[in-house]
């Protein structure tokens, strides 16, 4: 399909019309912030949080046994 020689639309204008189409389709934009997994201390922070949860969750072992009992492993 050949390109037309019309004036190009600026990126902010394209984004605005895209957002209008999405809103017309019943959608809304959502922004979420997630931990940066590339930071050097990410793995250690995960370990600390996991230890804290494990230390304060007396049913943790029981829950994991339940999950292991009901989980069906896929066949290779």
PDB file of N, CA and C in Angstrom:
ATOM      1  N   UNK A   1       0.846  -1.168   0.000  1.00  0.00           N
ATOM      2  CA  UNK A   1       0.000   0.000   0.000  1.00  0.00           C
ATOM      3  C   UNK A   1       0.894   1.235   0.000  1.00  0.00           C
ATOM      4  N   UNK A   2       0.799   2.101  -0.986  1.00  0.00           N
ATOM      5  CA  UNK A   2       1.666   3.278  -1.059  1.00  0.00           C
ATOM      6  C   UNK A   2       1.307   4.299   0.013  1.00  0.00           C
ATOM      7  N   UNK A   3       2.339   4.993   0.467  1.00  0.00           N
ATOM      8  CA  UNK A   3       2.123   6.043   1.464  1.00  0.00           C
ATOM      9  C   UNK A   3       1.582   7.287   0.778  1.00  0.00           C
ATOM     10  N   UNK A   4       0.745   8.003   1.520  1.00  0.00           N
ATOM     11  CA  UNK A   4       0.220   9.255   0.970  1.00  0.00           C
ATOM     12  C   UNK A   4       1.209  10.368   1.258  1.00  0.00           C
ATOM     13  N   UNK A   5       1.108  11.442   0.542  1.00  0.00           N
ATOM     14  CA  UNK A   5       2.024  12.563   0.706  1.00  0.00           C
ATOM     15  C   UNK A   5       1.409  13.655   1.570  1.00  0.00           C
ATOM     16  N   UNK A   6       0.463  13.288   2.428  1.00  0.00           N
ATOM     17  CA  UNK A   6      -0.149  14.274   3.319  1.00  0.00           C
ATOM     18  C   UNK A   6       0.861  14.716   4.367  1.00  0.00           C
ATOM     19  N   UNK A   7       0.567  15.844   5.007  1.00  0.00           N
ATOM     20  CA  UNK A   7       1.424  16.325   6.091  1.00  0.00           C
ATOM     21  C   UNK A   7       1.378  15.312   7.237  1.00  0.00           C
ATOM     22  N   UNK A   8       2.520  14.965   7.791  1.00  0.00           N
ATOM     23  CA  UNK A   8       2.513  14.009   8.899  1.00  0.00           C
ATOM     24  C   UNK A   8       1.869  14.615  10.144  1.00  0.00           C
ATOM     25  N   UNK A   9       1.213  13.751  10.908  1.00  0.00           N
ATOM     26  CA  UNK A   9       0.555  14.191  12.141  1.00  0.00           C
ATOM     27  C   UNK A   9       1.581  14.101  13.272  1.00  0.00           C
ATOM     28  N   UNK A  10       1.595  15.120  14.114  1.00  0.00           N
ATOM     29  CA  UNK A  10       2.571  15.147  15.204  1.00  0.00           C
ATOM     30  C   UNK A  10       2.273  14.034  16.214  1.00  0.00           C
ATOM     31  N   UNK A  11       3.292  13.533  16.887  1.00  0.00           N
ATOM     32  CA  UNK A  11       3.070  12.472  17.874  1.00  0.00           C
ATOM     33  C   UNK A  11       2.047  12.827  18.962  1.00  0.00           C
ATOM     34  N   UNK A  12       2.067  14.048  19.519  1.00  0.00           N
ATOM     35  CA  UNK A  12       1.034  14.357  20.521  1.00  0.00           C
ATOM     36  C   UNK A  12      -0.387  14.291  19.949  1.00  0.00           C
ATOM     37  N   UNK A  13      -0.556  14.727  18.701  1.00  0.00           N
ATOM     38  CA  UNK A  13      -1.877  14.681  18.066  1.00  0.00           C
ATOM     39  C   UNK A  13      -2.297  13.225  17.830  1.00  0.00           C
ATOM     40  N   UNK A  14      -1.349  12.392  17.355  1.00  0.00           N
ATOM     41  CA  UNK A  14      -1.646  10.969  17.152  1.00  0.00           C
ATOM     42  C   UNK A  14      -2.056  10.314  18.464  1.00  0.00           C
ATOM     43  N   UNK A  15      -1.327  10.641  19.542  1.00  0.00           N
ATOM     44  CA  UNK A  15      -1.632  10.054  20.841  1.00  0.00           C
ATOM     45  C   UNK A  15      -3.005  10.497  21.329  1.00  0.00           C
ATOM     46  N   UNK A  16      -3.334  11.755  21.110  1.00  0.00           N
ATOM     47  CA  UNK A  16      -4.637  12.272  21.527  1.00  0.00           C
ATOM     48  C   UNK A  16      -5.767  11.561  20.787  1.00  0.00           C
ATOM     49  N   UNK A  17      -5.612  11.367  19.476  1.00  0.00           N
ATOM     50  CA  UNK A  17      -6.672  10.679  18.734  1.00  0.00           C
ATOM     51  C   UNK A  17      -6.744   9.203  19.128  1.00  0.00           C
ATOM     52  N   UNK A  18      -5.601   8.594  19.436  1.00  0.00           N
ATOM     53  CA  UNK A  18      -5.597   7.205  19.906  1.00  0.00           C
ATOM     54  C   UNK A  18      -6.358   7.096  21.226  1.00  0.00           C
ATOM     55  N   UNK A  19      -6.078   8.012  22.150  1.00  0.00           N
ATOM     56  CA  UNK A  19      -6.769   7.990  23.437  1.00  0.00           C
ATOM     57  C   UNK A  19      -8.269   8.212  23.260  1.00  0.00           C
ATOM     58  N   UNK A  20      -8.638   9.076  22.340  1.00  0.00           N
ATOM     59  CA  UNK A  20     -10.063   9.303  22.076  1.00  0.00           C
ATOM     60  C   UNK A  20     -10.722   8.016  21.573  1.00  0.00           C
ATOM     61  N   UNK A  21     -10.046   7.310  20.651  1.00  0.00           N
ATOM     62  CA  UNK A  21     -10.602   6.050  20.137  1.00  0.00           C
ATOM     63  C   UNK A  21     -10.745   5.015  21.243  1.00  0.00           C
ATOM     64  N   UNK A  22      -9.743   4.937  22.105  1.00  0.00           N
ATOM     65  CA  UNK A  22      -9.797   3.970  23.201  1.00  0.00           C
ATOM     66  C   UNK A  22     -10.922   4.300  24.171  1.00  0.00           C
ATOM     67  N   UNK A  23     -11.073   5.585  24.495  1.00  0.00           N
ATOM     68  CA  UNK A  23     -12.168   5.983  25.390  1.00  0.00           C
ATOM     69  C   UNK A  23     -13.527   5.720  24.736  1.00  0.00           C
ATOM     70  N   UNK A  24     -13.626   5.963  23.428  1.00  0.00           N
ATOM     71  CA  UNK A  24     -14.870   5.690  22.713  1.00  0.00           C
ATOM     72  C   UNK A  24     -15.193   4.205  22.727  1.00  0.00           C
ATOM     73  N   UNK A  25     -14.157   3.367  22.845  1.00  0.00           N
ATOM     74  CA  UNK A  25     -14.356   1.919  22.906  1.00  0.00           C
ATOM     75  C   UNK A  25     -14.674   1.462  24.329  1.00  0.00           C
ATOM     76  N   UNK A  26     -14.797   2.414  25.265  1.00  0.00           N
ATOM     77  CA  UNK A  26     -15.140   2.071  26.633  1.00  0.00           C
ATOM     78  C   UNK A  26     -13.947   1.754  27.520  1.00  0.00           C
ATOM     79  N   UNK A  27     -12.757   2.129  27.099  1.00  0.00           N
ATOM     80  CA  UNK A  27     -11.556   1.853  27.881  1.00  0.00           C
ATOM     81  C   UNK A  27     -11.055   3.141  28.524  1.00  0.00           C
ATOM     82  N   UNK A  28     -10.236   2.972  29.556  1.00  0.00           N
ATOM     83  CA  UNK A  28      -9.618   4.139  30.179  1.00  0.00           C
ATOM     84  C   UNK A  28      -8.161   3.828  30.458  1.00  0.00           C
ATOM     85  N   UNK A  29      -7.312   4.846  30.445  1.00  0.00           N
ATOM     86  CA  UNK A  29      -5.889   4.601  30.691  1.00  0.00           C
ATOM     87  C   UNK A  29      -5.633   4.350  32.179  1.00  0.00           C
ATOM     88  N   UNK A  30      -4.697   3.466  32.439  1.00  0.00           N
ATOM     89  CA  UNK A  30      -4.292   3.161  33.806  1.00  0.00           C
ATOM     90  C   UNK A  30      -2.773   3.152  33.851  1.00  0.00           C
ATOM     91  N   UNK A  31      -2.220   3.810  34.849  1.00  0.00           N
ATOM     92  CA  UNK A  31      -0.771   3.818  35.016  1.00  0.00           C
ATOM     93  C   UNK A  31      -0.454   3.081  36.307  1.00  0.00           C
ATOM     94  N   UNK A  32       0.453   2.124  36.225  1.00  0.00           N
ATOM     95  CA  UNK A  32       0.859   1.406  37.421  1.00  0.00           C
ATOM     96  C   UNK A  32       2.373   1.495  37.570  1.00  0.00           C
ATOM     97  N   UNK A  33       2.801   1.513  38.797  1.00  0.00           N
ATOM     98  CA  UNK A  33       4.225   1.544  39.102  1.00  0.00           C
ATOM     99  C   UNK A  33       4.590   0.192  39.676  1.00  0.00           C
ATOM    100  N   UNK A  34       5.649  -0.382  39.168  1.00  0.00           N
ATOM    101  CA  UNK A  34       6.105  -1.693  39.619  1.00  0.00           C
ATOM    102  C   UNK A  34       7.569  -1.591  40.034  1.00  0.00           C
ATOM    103  N   UNK A  35       8.019  -2.509  40.882  1.00  0.00           N
ATOM    104  CA  UNK A  35       9.429  -2.466  41.280  1.00  0.00           C
ATOM    105  C   UNK A  35      10.350  -2.625  40.066  1.00  0.00           C
ATOM    106  N   UNK A  36      11.467  -1.941  40.128  1.00  0.00           N
ATOM    107  CA  UNK A  36      12.460  -2.036  39.055  1.00  0.00           C
ATOM    108  C   UNK A  36      13.324  -3.264  39.309  1.00  0.00           C
ATOM    109  N   UNK A  37      13.125  -4.305  38.534  1.00  0.00           N
ATOM    110  CA  UNK A  37      13.838  -5.558  38.728  1.00  0.00           C
ATOM    111  C   UNK A  37      15.304  -5.458  38.327  1.00  0.00           C
ATOM    112  N   UNK A  38      15.694  -4.341  37.731  1.00  0.00           N
ATOM    113  CA  UNK A  38      17.083  -4.175  37.294  1.00  0.00           C
ATOM    114  C   UNK A  38      17.972  -3.582  38.372  1.00  0.00           C
ATOM    115  N   UNK A  39      17.387  -3.108  39.466  1.00  0.00           N
ATOM    116  CA  UNK A  39      18.214  -2.508  40.512  1.00  0.00           C
ATOM    117  C   UNK A  39      19.027  -3.580  41.223  1.00  0.00           C
ATOM    118  N   UNK A  40      20.213  -3.214  41.694  1.00  0.00           N
ATOM    119  CA  UNK A  40      21.074  -4.212  42.335  1.00  0.00           C
ATOM    120  C   UNK A  40      20.473  -4.836  43.587  1.00  0.00           C
ATOM    121  N   UNK A  41      19.658  -4.102  44.327  1.00  0.00           N
ATOM    122  CA  UNK A  41      19.122  -4.636  45.580  1.00  0.00           C
ATOM    123  C   UNK A  41      17.756  -5.301  45.440  1.00  0.00           C
ATOM    124  N   UNK A  42      17.275  -5.477  44.227  1.00  0.00           N
ATOM    125  CA  UNK A  42      15.937  -6.053  44.037  1.00  0.00           C
ATOM    126  C   UNK A  42      15.832  -7.467  44.610  1.00  0.00           C
ATOM    127  N   UNK A  43      16.768  -8.331  44.294  1.00  0.00           N
ATOM    128  CA  UNK A  43      16.707  -9.723  44.756  1.00  0.00           C
ATOM    129  C   UNK A  43      16.762  -9.795  46.275  1.00  0.00           C
ATOM    130  N   UNK A  44      17.614  -8.988  46.883  1.00  0.00           N
ATOM    131  CA  UNK A  44      17.706  -9.003  48.346  1.00  0.00           C
ATOM    132  C   UNK A  44      16.424  -8.481  48.984  1.00  0.00           C
ATOM    133  N   UNK A  45      15.818  -7.475  48.386  1.00  0.00           N
ATOM    134  CA  UNK A  45      14.542  -6.964  48.892  1.00  0.00           C
ATOM    135  C   UNK A  45      13.473  -8.050  48.811  1.00  0.00           C
ATOM    136  N   UNK A  46      13.451  -8.802  47.737  1.00  0.00           N
ATOM    137  CA  UNK A  46      12.495  -9.912  47.603  1.00  0.00           C
ATOM    138  C   UNK A  46      12.718 -10.950  48.686  1.00  0.00           C
ATOM    139  N   UNK A  47      13.987 -11.289  48.936  1.00  0.00           N
ATOM    140  CA  UNK A  47      14.295 -12.273  49.975  1.00  0.00           C
ATOM    141  C   UNK A  47      13.843 -11.785  51.349  1.00  0.00           C
ATOM    142  N   UNK A  48      14.100 -10.511  51.650  1.00  0.00           N
ATOM    143  CA  UNK A  48      13.686  -9.950  52.938  1.00  0.00           C
ATOM    144  C   UNK A  48      12.172 -10.006  53.095  1.00  0.00           C
ATOM    145  N   UNK A  49      11.445  -9.637  52.040  1.00  0.00           N
ATOM    146  CA  UNK A  49       9.988  -9.656  52.117  1.00  0.00           C
ATOM    147  C   UNK A  49       9.460 -11.076  52.251  1.00  0.00           C
ATOM    148  N   UNK A  50      10.074 -12.018  51.535  1.00  0.00           N
ATOM    149  CA  UNK A  50       9.644 -13.414  51.629  1.00  0.00           C
ATOM    150  C   UNK A  50       9.896 -13.957  53.030  1.00  0.00           C
ATOM    151  N   UNK A  51      11.047 -13.623  53.629  1.00  0.00           N
ATOM    152  CA  UNK A  51      11.343 -14.071  54.996  1.00  0.00           C
ATOM    153  C   UNK A  51      10.356 -13.461  55.979  1.00  0.00           C
ATOM    154  N   UNK A  52      10.014 -12.188  55.793  1.00  0.00           N
ATOM    155  CA  UNK A  52       9.064 -11.524  56.688  1.00  0.00           C
ATOM    156  C   UNK A  52       7.690 -12.177  56.613  1.00  0.00           C
ATOM    157  N   UNK A  53       7.252 -12.493  55.410  1.00  0.00           N
ATOM    158  CA  UNK A  53       5.955 -13.160  55.250  1.00  0.00           C
ATOM    159  C   UNK A  53       5.992 -14.546  55.873  1.00  0.00           C
ATOM    160  N   UNK A  54       7.073 -15.283  55.611  1.00  0.00           N
ATOM    161  CA  UNK A  54       7.186 -16.639  56.154  1.00  0.00           C
ATOM    162  C   UNK A  54       7.212 -16.621  57.677  1.00  0.00           C
ATOM    163  N   UNK A  55       7.866 -15.633  58.271  1.00  0.00           N
ATOM    164  CA  UNK A  55       7.964 -15.558  59.726  1.00  0.00           C
ATOM    165  C   UNK A  55       6.633 -15.207  60.373  1.00  0.00           C
ATOM    166  N   UNK A  56       5.776 -14.504  59.652  1.00  0.00           N
ATOM    167  CA  UNK A  56       4.511 -14.053  60.221  1.00  0.00           C
ATOM    168  C   UNK A  56       3.307 -14.788  59.660  1.00  0.00           C
ATOM    169  N   UNK A  57       3.530 -15.908  59.004  1.00  0.00           N
ATOM    170  CA  UNK A  57       2.428 -16.677  58.423  1.00  0.00           C
ATOM    171  C   UNK A  57       2.475 -18.104  58.966  1.00  0.00           C
ATOM    172  N   UNK A  58       1.847 -18.328  60.127  1.00  0.00           N
ATOM    173  CA  UNK A  58       1.917 -19.662  60.711  1.00  0.00           C
ATOM    174  C   UNK A  58       1.260 -20.740  59.851  1.00  0.00           C
ATOM    175  N   UNK A  59       0.361 -20.367  58.963  1.00  0.00           N
ATOM    176  CA  UNK A  59      -0.297 -21.354  58.105  1.00  0.00           C
ATOM    177  C   UNK A  59       0.438 -21.531  56.787  1.00  0.00           C
ATOM    178  N   UNK A  60       1.570 -20.877  56.616  1.00  0.00           N
ATOM    179  CA  UNK A  60       2.290 -20.912  55.347  1.00  0.00           C
ATOM    180  C   UNK A  60       2.611 -22.309  54.861  1.00  0.00           C
ATOM    181  N   UNK A  61       3.139 -23.169  55.744  1.00  0.00           N
ATOM    182  CA  UNK A  61       3.468 -24.533  55.342  1.00  0.00           C
ATOM    183  C   UNK A  61       2.212 -25.299  54.946  1.00  0.00           C
ATOM    184  N   UNK A  62       1.150 -25.104  55.708  1.00  0.00           N
ATOM    185  CA  UNK A  62      -0.102 -25.800  55.409  1.00  0.00           C
ATOM    186  C   UNK A  62      -0.656 -25.359  54.054  1.00  0.00           C
ATOM    187  N   UNK A  63      -0.576 -24.083  53.788  1.00  0.00           N
ATOM    188  CA  UNK A  63      -1.071 -23.562  52.506  1.00  0.00           C
ATOM    189  C   UNK A  63      -0.257 -24.139  51.359  1.00  0.00           C
ATOM    190  N   UNK A  64       1.064 -24.190  51.507  1.00  0.00           N
ATOM    191  CA  UNK A  64       1.905 -24.736  50.437  1.00  0.00           C
ATOM    192  C   UNK A  64       1.626 -26.222  50.221  1.00  0.00           C
ATOM    193  N   UNK A  65       1.359 -26.960  51.290  1.00  0.00           N
ATOM    194  CA  UNK A  65       1.000 -28.379  51.129  1.00  0.00           C
ATOM    195  C   UNK A  65      -0.315 -28.507  50.363  1.00  0.00           C
ATOM    196  N   UNK A  66      -1.266 -27.629  50.679  1.00  0.00           N
ATOM    197  CA  UNK A  66      -2.542 -27.641  49.967  1.00  0.00           C
ATOM    198  C   UNK A  66      -2.336 -27.344  48.480  1.00  0.00           C
ATOM    199  N   UNK A  67      -1.562 -26.320  48.179  1.00  0.00           N
ATOM    200  CA  UNK A  67      -1.304 -25.956  46.775  1.00  0.00           C
ATOM    201  C   UNK A  67      -0.639 -27.118  46.053  1.00  0.00           C
ATOM    202  N   UNK A  68       0.347 -27.733  46.689  1.00  0.00           N
ATOM    203  CA  UNK A  68       1.038 -28.859  46.062  1.00  0.00           C
ATOM    204  C   UNK A  68       0.092 -30.036  45.830  1.00  0.00           C
ATOM    205  N   UNK A  69      -0.864 -30.227  46.735  1.00  0.00           N
ATOM    206  CA  UNK A  69      -1.787 -31.354  46.612  1.00  0.00           C
ATOM    207  C   UNK A  69      -2.805 -31.151  45.494  1.00  0.00           C
ATOM    208  N   UNK A  70      -3.207 -29.920  45.249  1.00  0.00           N
ATOM    209  CA  UNK A  70      -4.269 -29.686  44.271  1.00  0.00           C
ATOM    210  C   UNK A  70      -3.741 -29.272  42.909  1.00  0.00           C
ATOM    211  N   UNK A  71      -2.470 -28.915  42.823  1.00  0.00           N
ATOM    212  CA  UNK A  71      -1.916 -28.467  41.553  1.00  0.00           C
ATOM    213  C   UNK A  71      -1.657 -29.647  40.641  1.00  0.00           C
ATOM    214  N   UNK A  72      -2.143 -29.540  39.438  1.00  0.00           N
ATOM    215  CA  UNK A  72      -1.908 -30.603  38.446  1.00  0.00           C
ATOM    216  C   UNK A  72      -0.794 -30.169  37.521  1.00  0.00           C
ATOM    217  N   UNK A  73       0.288 -30.920  37.536  1.00  0.00           N
ATOM    218  CA  UNK A  73       1.427 -30.594  36.669  1.00  0.00           C
ATOM    219  C   UNK A  73       1.095 -30.984  35.235  1.00  0.00           C
ATOM    220  N   UNK A  74       1.422 -30.129  34.278  1.00  0.00           N
ATOM    221  CA  UNK A  74       1.152 -30.466  32.876  1.00  0.00           C
ATOM    222  C   UNK A  74       2.039 -31.607  32.405  1.00  0.00           C
ATOM    223  N   UNK A  75       1.513 -32.411  31.539  1.00  0.00           N
ATOM    224  CA  UNK A  75       2.304 -33.496  30.951  1.00  0.00           C
ATOM    225  C   UNK A  75       3.284 -32.916  29.947  1.00  0.00           C
ATOM    226  N   UNK A  76       4.511 -33.425  29.914  1.00  0.00           N
ATOM    227  CA  UNK A  76       5.490 -32.895  28.951  1.00  0.00           C
ATOM    228  C   UNK A  76       5.162 -33.265  27.516  1.00  0.00           C
TER     229      UNK A  76
END
